[in-house]
Amino acid sequence: MKTLKILIAVSLLTVAAVFVFEGFKKEKGKEVTGEPSPEVLGIPIPKGGIEIKINDRSYQAQFVVVENAQAISLLPNFEEKQTSQVLLEKAQCSVLVNGGYYTSEGSPTGLFITETKQLKRYIETSLSNAVYSINDFETPRITRLTPQDPLRVALQNGPLLIENDEVLKLSLKRDEEARRVIVGVTGENETVFIIIYDANSVFMGPRLQELPEVLELFEKNSQIDLADAMNLDGGSASSFISQEISLRELSPIGSYFCIK
């Protein structure tokens, strides 16, 4: 049975809050108990998480680390537009994370490969300037262009946030506050899925231009070193569900990562 290393933060309630994290192995189907989380607009707010303070705003970050890329699938939901909860149960995922942008006509905005089948080719764009992929050796990568070796999974999205351990600076003409979902890859070839949001309004979060600084603080507080990272779809079309947290979408997600 494949296992995931799930890292969930426990906050220490002090003035200069310090967070200590211990990874643990989570087996599929393990029961999770505890008191219900409080809700905002009927949506449960996850307990704990990493607190990230930037520009007088406080955000929460939850994350999942996947050691084995074989456990990750990228699946389409462009036409079906099923809810993430239905998709989670249908695909029997232990963790579900939304994928990338999609058009109003119901197709991905760039390169999309699911289980070696290419649904759309790479399209050059300044915003979606990165590709998360898994090749046939089950090696996850984030690159600016499409890798040339055979790929089982590939998703073009962006912007690129970290490249070769260097946090990039963004300059955007249009930007807004929204919940953000990020995929990263460590130097040990682990895939890290991260969701960042305002604890008082779970569909709100940092501006895209703030994400590089947010990720620097995330790496410091979580002690996770991201070699590369890129932005996924966010805001109302974002979803992040595991046995520990459940942050679901308001509008349909076009695709999703299923981790078994």
C-alpha atoms as a PDB file:
ATOM      1  CA  MET A   1       0.000   0.000   0.000  1.00  0.00           C
ATOM      2  CA  LYS A   2       1.411   3.350  -1.018  1.00  0.00           C
ATOM      3  CA  THR A   3       1.939   5.841   1.745  1.00  0.00           C
ATOM      4  CA  LEU A   4       2.075   9.601   1.817  1.00  0.00           C
ATOM      5  CA  LYS A   5       4.190  11.706   4.081  1.00  0.00           C
ATOM      6  CA  ILE A   6       1.680  14.207   5.373  1.00  0.00           C
ATOM      7  CA  LEU A   7       3.116  17.176   7.212  1.00  0.00           C
ATOM      8  CA  ILE A   8       0.643  19.170   9.204  1.00  0.00           C
ATOM      9  CA  ALA A   9       1.691  22.089  11.382  1.00  0.00           C
ATOM     10  CA  VAL A  10       0.868  22.574  15.042  1.00  0.00           C
ATOM     11  CA  SER A  11       0.793  26.210  16.137  1.00  0.00           C
ATOM     12  CA  LEU A  12       2.315  27.416  19.397  1.00  0.00           C
ATOM     13  CA  LEU A  13       0.251  30.258  20.818  1.00  0.00           C
ATOM     14  CA  THR A  14       2.917  32.786  21.694  1.00  0.00           C
ATOM     15  CA  VAL A  15       3.424  36.407  20.660  1.00  0.00           C
ATOM     16  CA  ALA A  16       6.234  35.440  18.305  1.00  0.00           C
ATOM     17  CA  ALA A  17       4.517  32.301  17.084  1.00  0.00           C
ATOM     18  CA  VAL A  18       6.894  29.500  16.222  1.00  0.00           C
ATOM     19  CA  PHE A  19       5.730  26.409  14.392  1.00  0.00           C
ATOM     20  CA  VAL A  20       7.301  22.987  14.681  1.00  0.00           C
ATOM     21  CA  PHE A  21       6.411  20.212  12.303  1.00  0.00           C
ATOM     22  CA  GLU A  22       6.923  16.488  12.418  1.00  0.00           C
ATOM     23  CA  GLY A  23       6.259  14.369   9.352  1.00  0.00           C
ATOM     24  CA  PHE A  24       4.385  11.141   9.669  1.00  0.00           C
ATOM     25  CA  LYS A  25       3.247   8.389   7.361  1.00  0.00           C
ATOM     26  CA  LYS A  26      -0.443   8.377   6.556  1.00  0.00           C
ATOM     27  CA  GLU A  27      -1.951   5.157   5.306  1.00  0.00           C
ATOM     28  CA  LYS A  28      -4.959   5.256   3.037  1.00  0.00           C
ATOM     29  CA  GLY A  29      -8.197   4.680   4.914  1.00  0.00           C
ATOM     30  CA  LYS A  30      -6.870   5.526   8.382  1.00  0.00           C
ATOM     31  CA  GLU A  31      -9.568   7.031  10.553  1.00  0.00           C
ATOM     32  CA  VAL A  32      -9.078  10.593  11.744  1.00  0.00           C
ATOM     33  CA  THR A  33     -10.843  11.720  14.886  1.00  0.00           C
ATOM     34  CA  GLY A  34     -11.179  15.007  16.698  1.00  0.00           C
ATOM     35  CA  GLU A  35     -13.526  17.891  17.313  1.00  0.00           C
ATOM     36  CA  PRO A  36     -15.136  19.591  14.295  1.00  0.00           C
ATOM     37  CA  SER A  37     -13.392  22.698  12.953  1.00  0.00           C
ATOM     38  CA  PRO A  38     -15.142  26.090  13.080  1.00  0.00           C
ATOM     39  CA  GLU A  39     -16.765  27.267   9.848  1.00  0.00           C
ATOM     40  CA  VAL A  40     -16.811  30.370   7.647  1.00  0.00           C
ATOM     41  CA  LEU A  41     -19.806  30.540   5.297  1.00  0.00           C
ATOM     42  CA  GLY A  42     -20.511  26.912   6.115  1.00  0.00           C
ATOM     43  CA  ILE A  43     -17.014  25.779   5.078  1.00  0.00           C
ATOM     44  CA  PRO A  44     -14.864  24.086   7.773  1.00  0.00           C
ATOM     45  CA  ILE A  45     -11.640  25.916   8.586  1.00  0.00           C
ATOM     46  CA  PRO A  46      -8.726  23.511   9.077  1.00  0.00           C
ATOM     47  CA  LYS A  47      -7.025  23.579  12.442  1.00  0.00           C
ATOM     48  CA  GLY A  48      -3.333  24.316  12.747  1.00  0.00           C
ATOM     49  CA  GLY A  49      -1.364  25.105   9.636  1.00  0.00           C
ATOM     50  CA  ILE A  50       1.574  27.391   9.103  1.00  0.00           C
ATOM     51  CA  GLU A  51       0.938  31.024   9.843  1.00  0.00           C
ATOM     52  CA  ILE A  52       2.511  33.349   7.287  1.00  0.00           C
ATOM     53  CA  LYS A  53       2.480  37.087   7.978  1.00  0.00           C
ATOM     54  CA  ILE A  54       3.156  39.510   5.151  1.00  0.00           C
ATOM     55  CA  ASN A  55       2.219  43.172   4.651  1.00  0.00           C
ATOM     56  CA  ASP A  56       0.133  43.222   7.850  1.00  0.00           C
ATOM     57  CA  ARG A  57      -1.888  40.224   6.613  1.00  0.00           C
ATOM     58  CA  SER A  58      -1.936  36.767   8.150  1.00  0.00           C
ATOM     59  CA  TYR A  59      -2.378  33.645   6.003  1.00  0.00           C
ATOM     60  CA  GLN A  60      -2.563  29.940   6.708  1.00  0.00           C
ATOM     61  CA  ALA A  61      -0.725  27.310   4.666  1.00  0.00           C
ATOM     62  CA  GLN A  62      -1.555  23.616   4.581  1.00  0.00           C
ATOM     63  CA  PHE A  63       0.514  21.150   2.600  1.00  0.00           C
ATOM     64  CA  VAL A  64       1.030  17.543   1.591  1.00  0.00           C
ATOM     65  CA  VAL A  65       4.341  15.949   0.608  1.00  0.00           C
ATOM     66  CA  VAL A  66       4.218  13.010  -1.807  1.00  0.00           C
ATOM     67  CA  GLU A  67       7.383  10.918  -1.828  1.00  0.00           C
ATOM     68  CA  ASN A  68       6.402   8.516  -4.603  1.00  0.00           C
ATOM     69  CA  ALA A  69       5.311  10.097  -7.895  1.00  0.00           C
ATOM     70  CA  GLN A  70       3.629   6.843  -8.902  1.00  0.00           C
ATOM     71  CA  ALA A  71       0.877   7.779  -6.462  1.00  0.00           C
ATOM     72  CA  ILE A  72       0.043  10.943  -8.456  1.00  0.00           C
ATOM     73  CA  SER A  73      -2.402  11.108 -11.350  1.00  0.00           C
ATOM     74  CA  LEU A  74      -3.621  14.171 -13.275  1.00  0.00           C
ATOM     75  CA  LEU A  75      -7.230  13.767 -14.390  1.00  0.00           C
ATOM     76  CA  PRO A  76      -9.558  15.998 -16.470  1.00  0.00           C
ATOM     77  CA  ASN A  77     -12.863  17.437 -15.290  1.00  0.00           C
ATOM     78  CA  PHE A  78     -13.380  19.965 -18.093  1.00  0.00           C
ATOM     79  CA  GLU A  79     -16.588  18.532 -19.519  1.00  0.00           C
ATOM     80  CA  GLU A  80     -18.010  16.623 -16.551  1.00  0.00           C
ATOM     81  CA  LYS A  81     -17.620  19.528 -14.086  1.00  0.00           C
ATOM     82  CA  GLN A  82     -18.180  17.221 -11.156  1.00  0.00           C
ATOM     83  CA  THR A  83     -17.562  18.429  -7.611  1.00  0.00           C
ATOM     84  CA  SER A  84     -14.260  17.650  -5.948  1.00  0.00           C
ATOM     85  CA  GLN A  85     -16.003  15.515  -3.335  1.00  0.00           C
ATOM     86  CA  VAL A  86     -17.567  13.364  -6.069  1.00  0.00           C
ATOM     87  CA  LEU A  87     -14.222  13.143  -7.882  1.00  0.00           C
ATOM     88  CA  LEU A  88     -12.428  12.181  -4.664  1.00  0.00           C
ATOM     89  CA  GLU A  89     -14.775   9.260  -4.098  1.00  0.00           C
ATOM     90  CA  LYS A  90     -14.993   8.268  -7.777  1.00  0.00           C
ATOM     91  CA  ALA A  91     -11.215   8.064  -8.248  1.00  0.00           C
ATOM     92  CA  GLN A  92     -10.633   6.760  -4.697  1.00  0.00           C
ATOM     93  CA  CYS A  93      -8.078   9.456  -3.914  1.00  0.00           C
ATOM     94  CA  SER A  94      -6.466   9.832  -0.511  1.00  0.00           C
ATOM     95  CA  VAL A  95      -5.740  13.456  -1.424  1.00  0.00           C
ATOM     96  CA  LEU A  96      -7.245  15.662  -4.147  1.00  0.00           C
ATOM     97  CA  VAL A  97      -5.764  18.968  -5.330  1.00  0.00           C
ATOM     98  CA  ASN A  98      -7.096  21.074  -8.198  1.00  0.00           C
ATOM     99  CA  GLY A  99      -5.097  21.405 -11.410  1.00  0.00           C
ATOM    100  CA  GLY A 100      -4.600  24.382 -13.707  1.00  0.00           C
ATOM    101  CA  TYR A 101      -6.500  27.050 -15.598  1.00  0.00           C
ATOM    102  CA  TYR A 102      -9.102  26.175 -18.197  1.00  0.00           C
ATOM    103  CA  THR A 103     -11.060  28.052 -20.873  1.00  0.00           C
ATOM    104  CA  SER A 104     -14.738  29.000 -20.888  1.00  0.00           C
ATOM    105  CA  GLU A 105     -15.174  26.397 -23.632  1.00  0.00           C
ATOM    106  CA  GLY A 106     -14.004  23.698 -21.237  1.00  0.00           C
ATOM    107  CA  SER A 107     -10.429  22.849 -22.200  1.00  0.00           C
ATOM    108  CA  PRO A 108      -7.002  23.336 -20.612  1.00  0.00           C
ATOM    109  CA  THR A 109      -5.218  26.577 -21.434  1.00  0.00           C
ATOM    110  CA  GLY A 110      -1.949  24.815 -22.238  1.00  0.00           C
ATOM    111  CA  LEU A 111      -0.124  21.494 -22.246  1.00  0.00           C
ATOM    112  CA  PHE A 112      -2.114  18.734 -20.595  1.00  0.00           C
ATOM    113  CA  ILE A 113      -1.076  15.070 -20.512  1.00  0.00           C
ATOM    114  CA  THR A 114      -3.006  12.485 -18.532  1.00  0.00           C
ATOM    115  CA  GLU A 115      -1.591   8.945 -18.333  1.00  0.00           C
ATOM    116  CA  THR A 116       0.519   9.520 -21.495  1.00  0.00           C
ATOM    117  CA  LYS A 117      -2.476  10.910 -23.458  1.00  0.00           C
ATOM    118  CA  GLN A 118      -1.993  14.504 -24.606  1.00  0.00           C
ATOM    119  CA  LEU A 119      -5.189  16.563 -24.581  1.00  0.00           C
ATOM    120  CA  LYS A 120      -3.538  19.849 -25.553  1.00  0.00           C
ATOM    121  CA  ARG A 121      -0.120  21.015 -26.722  1.00  0.00           C
ATOM    122  CA  TYR A 122       2.176  23.559 -25.082  1.00  0.00           C
ATOM    123  CA  ILE A 123       1.153  27.174 -25.744  1.00  0.00           C
ATOM    124  CA  GLU A 124       3.646  29.960 -25.112  1.00  0.00           C
ATOM    125  CA  THR A 125       2.303  32.540 -22.659  1.00  0.00           C
ATOM    126  CA  SER A 126       3.875  34.899 -20.149  1.00  0.00           C
ATOM    127  CA  LEU A 127       1.592  33.872 -17.273  1.00  0.00           C
ATOM    128  CA  SER A 128       1.517  30.079 -17.740  1.00  0.00           C
ATOM    129  CA  ASN A 129       5.262  29.791 -18.168  1.00  0.00           C
ATOM    130  CA  ALA A 130       5.904  26.492 -16.344  1.00  0.00           C
ATOM    131  CA  VAL A 131       5.224  22.782 -16.727  1.00  0.00           C
ATOM    132  CA  TYR A 132       4.854  20.237 -13.928  1.00  0.00           C
ATOM    133  CA  SER A 133       5.533  16.776 -15.331  1.00  0.00           C
ATOM    134  CA  ILE A 134       6.202  13.167 -14.376  1.00  0.00           C
ATOM    135  CA  ASN A 135       8.130  11.064 -16.856  1.00  0.00           C
ATOM    136  CA  ASP A 136       8.045   7.311 -17.433  1.00  0.00           C
ATOM    137  CA  PHE A 137      10.756   6.899 -14.777  1.00  0.00           C
ATOM    138  CA  GLU A 138       8.317   8.491 -12.304  1.00  0.00           C
ATOM    139  CA  THR A 139      10.495  11.555 -11.837  1.00  0.00           C
ATOM    140  CA  PRO A 140       8.577  14.783 -11.107  1.00  0.00           C
ATOM    141  CA  ARG A 141       9.924  18.059 -12.499  1.00  0.00           C
ATOM    142  CA  ILE A 142       8.970  21.687 -12.975  1.00  0.00           C
ATOM    143  CA  THR A 143      10.461  23.261 -16.089  1.00  0.00           C
ATOM    144  CA  ARG A 144       9.904  26.267 -18.334  1.00  0.00           C
ATOM    145  CA  LEU A 145       9.451  24.144 -21.457  1.00  0.00           C
ATOM    146  CA  THR A 146       8.074  20.688 -22.154  1.00  0.00           C
ATOM    147  CA  PRO A 147      10.618  17.953 -21.338  1.00  0.00           C
ATOM    148  CA  GLN A 148      11.533  15.864 -24.373  1.00  0.00           C
ATOM    149  CA  ASP A 149      11.392  12.436 -22.727  1.00  0.00           C
ATOM    150  CA  PRO A 150       8.142  10.408 -22.601  1.00  0.00           C
ATOM    151  CA  LEU A 151       5.727  11.906 -20.064  1.00  0.00           C
ATOM    152  CA  ARG A 152       2.968  10.225 -18.098  1.00  0.00           C
ATOM    153  CA  VAL A 153       1.705  13.486 -16.588  1.00  0.00           C
ATOM    154  CA  ALA A 154       2.150  17.095 -17.684  1.00  0.00           C
ATOM    155  CA  LEU A 155       0.376  20.324 -16.766  1.00  0.00           C
ATOM    156  CA  GLN A 156       1.240  23.778 -18.067  1.00  0.00           C
ATOM    157  CA  ASN A 157       0.345  26.596 -15.687  1.00  0.00           C
ATOM    158  CA  GLY A 158       2.024  29.386 -13.779  1.00  0.00           C
ATOM    159  CA  PRO A 159       3.563  31.681 -13.116  1.00  0.00           C
ATOM    160  CA  LEU A 160       6.832  29.968 -12.206  1.00  0.00           C
ATOM    161  CA  LEU A 161       7.660  30.932  -8.618  1.00  0.00           C
ATOM    162  CA  ILE A 162      10.892  29.109  -7.746  1.00  0.00           C
ATOM    163  CA  GLU A 163      13.490  27.946 -10.271  1.00  0.00           C
ATOM    164  CA  ASN A 164      16.634  25.997  -9.343  1.00  0.00           C
ATOM    165  CA  ASP A 165      16.283  27.048  -5.673  1.00  0.00           C
ATOM    166  CA  GLU A 166      15.968  30.718  -6.639  1.00  0.00           C
ATOM    167  CA  VAL A 167      12.795  32.549  -5.632  1.00  0.00           C
ATOM    168  CA  LEU A 168      11.644  34.616  -8.605  1.00  0.00           C
ATOM    169  CA  LYS A 169      10.205  38.117  -8.475  1.00  0.00           C
ATOM    170  CA  LEU A 170       6.920  38.779 -10.264  1.00  0.00           C
ATOM    171  CA  SER A 171       5.671  41.918 -11.955  1.00  0.00           C
ATOM    172  CA  LEU A 172       2.019  41.746 -12.970  1.00  0.00           C
ATOM    173  CA  LYS A 173      -0.244  44.379 -14.497  1.00  0.00           C
ATOM    174  CA  ARG A 174      -3.374  42.785 -13.045  1.00  0.00           C
ATOM    175  CA  ASP A 175      -3.458  41.072  -9.672  1.00  0.00           C
ATOM    176  CA  GLU A 176      -5.952  40.349  -6.926  1.00  0.00           C
ATOM    177  CA  GLU A 177      -6.220  38.668  -3.559  1.00  0.00           C
ATOM    178  CA  ALA A 178      -7.300  35.020  -3.753  1.00  0.00           C
ATOM    179  CA  ARG A 179      -6.744  31.594  -2.268  1.00  0.00           C
ATOM    180  CA  ARG A 180      -3.606  30.133  -3.858  1.00  0.00           C
ATOM    181  CA  VAL A 181      -2.609  26.561  -4.700  1.00  0.00           C
ATOM    182  CA  ILE A 182       0.999  25.722  -5.508  1.00  0.00           C
ATOM    183  CA  VAL A 183       2.883  22.618  -6.621  1.00  0.00           C
ATOM    184  CA  GLY A 184       6.580  22.286  -5.861  1.00  0.00           C
ATOM    185  CA  VAL A 185       9.338  19.725  -6.260  1.00  0.00           C
ATOM    186  CA  THR A 186      12.156  19.219  -3.746  1.00  0.00           C
ATOM    187  CA  GLY A 187      15.748  18.222  -4.423  1.00  0.00           C
ATOM    188  CA  GLU A 188      14.788  14.711  -3.291  1.00  0.00           C
ATOM    189  CA  ASN A 189      12.179  14.460  -6.073  1.00  0.00           C
ATOM    190  CA  GLU A 190       9.259  14.826  -3.684  1.00  0.00           C
ATOM    191  CA  THR A 191       6.161  16.638  -4.889  1.00  0.00           C
ATOM    192  CA  VAL A 192       4.696  19.201  -2.488  1.00  0.00           C
ATOM    193  CA  PHE A 193       1.141  20.515  -2.832  1.00  0.00           C
ATOM    194  CA  ILE A 194       0.419  23.710  -0.880  1.00  0.00           C
ATOM    195  CA  ILE A 195      -2.712  25.781  -0.314  1.00  0.00           C
ATOM    196  CA  ILE A 196      -2.502  29.295   1.142  1.00  0.00           C
ATOM    197  CA  TYR A 197      -5.556  31.207   2.312  1.00  0.00           C
ATOM    198  CA  ASP A 198      -6.926  33.802   4.720  1.00  0.00           C
ATOM    199  CA  ALA A 199      -8.156  31.955   7.812  1.00  0.00           C
ATOM    200  CA  ASN A 200     -11.004  34.459   8.220  1.00  0.00           C
ATOM    201  CA  SER A 201     -12.162  34.170   4.602  1.00  0.00           C
ATOM    202  CA  VAL A 202     -11.082  30.856   3.106  1.00  0.00           C
ATOM    203  CA  PHE A 203     -11.457  31.855  -0.564  1.00  0.00           C
ATOM    204  CA  MET A 204      -9.203  34.879  -0.066  1.00  0.00           C
ATOM    205  CA  GLY A 205      -5.433  34.887   0.105  1.00  0.00           C
ATOM    206  CA  PRO A 206      -2.304  36.677  -1.107  1.00  0.00           C
ATOM    207  CA  ARG A 207      -1.820  38.396  -4.434  1.00  0.00           C
ATOM    208  CA  LEU A 208       0.155  36.474  -7.040  1.00  0.00           C
ATOM    209  CA  GLN A 209       2.920  39.055  -6.811  1.00  0.00           C
ATOM    210  CA  GLU A 210       3.272  38.261  -3.105  1.00  0.00           C
ATOM    211  CA  LEU A 211       3.681  34.500  -3.620  1.00  0.00           C
ATOM    212  CA  PRO A 212       7.493  34.468  -3.934  1.00  0.00           C
ATOM    213  CA  GLU A 213       7.821  36.155  -0.532  1.00  0.00           C
ATOM    214  CA  VAL A 214       5.085  33.919   0.892  1.00  0.00           C
ATOM    215  CA  LEU A 215       6.984  30.830  -0.308  1.00  0.00           C
ATOM    216  CA  GLU A 216      10.213  32.053   1.266  1.00  0.00           C
ATOM    217  CA  LEU A 217       8.421  32.232   4.620  1.00  0.00           C
ATOM    218  CA  PHE A 218       6.759  28.870   3.967  1.00  0.00           C
ATOM    219  CA  GLU A 219      10.139  27.213   3.373  1.00  0.00           C
ATOM    220  CA  LYS A 220      11.555  28.786   6.522  1.00  0.00           C
ATOM    221  CA  ASN A 221       8.664  27.748   8.764  1.00  0.00           C
ATOM    222  CA  SER A 222       8.077  24.282   7.299  1.00  0.00           C
ATOM    223  CA  GLN A 223      11.772  23.444   6.805  1.00  0.00           C
ATOM    224  CA  ILE A 224      10.922  22.214   3.305  1.00  0.00           C
ATOM    225  CA  ASP A 225      13.359  23.243   0.589  1.00  0.00           C
ATOM    226  CA  LEU A 226      11.595  23.676  -2.735  1.00  0.00           C
ATOM    227  CA  ALA A 227      13.922  23.389  -5.715  1.00  0.00           C
ATOM    228  CA  ASP A 228      11.164  24.506  -8.104  1.00  0.00           C
ATOM    229  CA  ALA A 229       7.561  25.659  -7.688  1.00  0.00           C
ATOM    230  CA  MET A 230       4.695  26.962  -9.797  1.00  0.00           C
ATOM    231  CA  ASN A 231       1.229  28.367  -9.292  1.00  0.00           C
ATOM    232  CA  LEU A 232      -1.924  26.324 -10.006  1.00  0.00           C
ATOM    233  CA  ASP A 233      -5.523  27.535 -10.360  1.00  0.00           C
ATOM    234  CA  GLY A 234      -6.821  29.344  -7.276  1.00  0.00           C
ATOM    235  CA  GLY A 235      -9.656  31.368  -5.809  1.00  0.00           C
ATOM    236  CA  SER A 236     -13.153  29.938  -6.155  1.00  0.00           C
ATOM    237  CA  ALA A 237     -11.934  27.238  -8.591  1.00  0.00           C
ATOM    238  CA  SER A 238      -9.527  25.671  -6.119  1.00  0.00           C
ATOM    239  CA  SER A 239      -9.881  22.564  -3.986  1.00  0.00           C
ATOM    240  CA  PHE A 240      -7.608  20.806  -1.491  1.00  0.00           C
ATOM    241  CA  ILE A 241      -8.977  17.707   0.241  1.00  0.00           C
ATOM    242  CA  SER A 242      -7.176  15.197   2.440  1.00  0.00           C
ATOM    243  CA  GLN A 243      -8.041  13.223   5.543  1.00  0.00           C
ATOM    244  CA  GLU A 244      -6.893  16.213   7.595  1.00  0.00           C
ATOM    245  CA  ILE A 245      -8.384  19.173   5.718  1.00  0.00           C
ATOM    246  CA  SER A 246     -11.189  19.933   3.291  1.00  0.00           C
ATOM    247  CA  LEU A 247     -11.171  23.204   1.354  1.00  0.00           C
ATOM    248  CA  ARG A 248     -13.583  22.805  -1.551  1.00  0.00           C
ATOM    249  CA  GLU A 249     -14.424  24.900  -4.593  1.00  0.00           C
ATOM    250  CA  LEU A 250     -17.287  27.313  -5.306  1.00  0.00           C
ATOM    251  CA  SER A 251     -16.943  27.008  -9.090  1.00  0.00           C
ATOM    252  CA  PRO A 252     -15.942  23.826 -10.974  1.00  0.00           C
ATOM    253  CA  ILE A 253     -12.292  22.761 -11.103  1.00  0.00           C
ATOM    254  CA  GLY A 254     -11.145  21.937 -14.628  1.00  0.00           C
ATOM    255  CA  SER A 255      -8.756  19.171 -13.616  1.00  0.00           C
ATOM    256  CA  TYR A 256      -7.295  17.608 -10.513  1.00  0.00           C
ATOM    257  CA  PHE A 257      -4.368  15.748  -9.047  1.00  0.00           C
ATOM    258  CA  CYS A 258      -5.406  12.485  -7.425  1.00  0.00           C
ATOM    259  CA  ILE A 259      -2.954  11.047  -4.893  1.00  0.00           C
ATOM    260  CA  LYS A 260      -3.585   7.454  -3.861  1.00  0.00           C
END
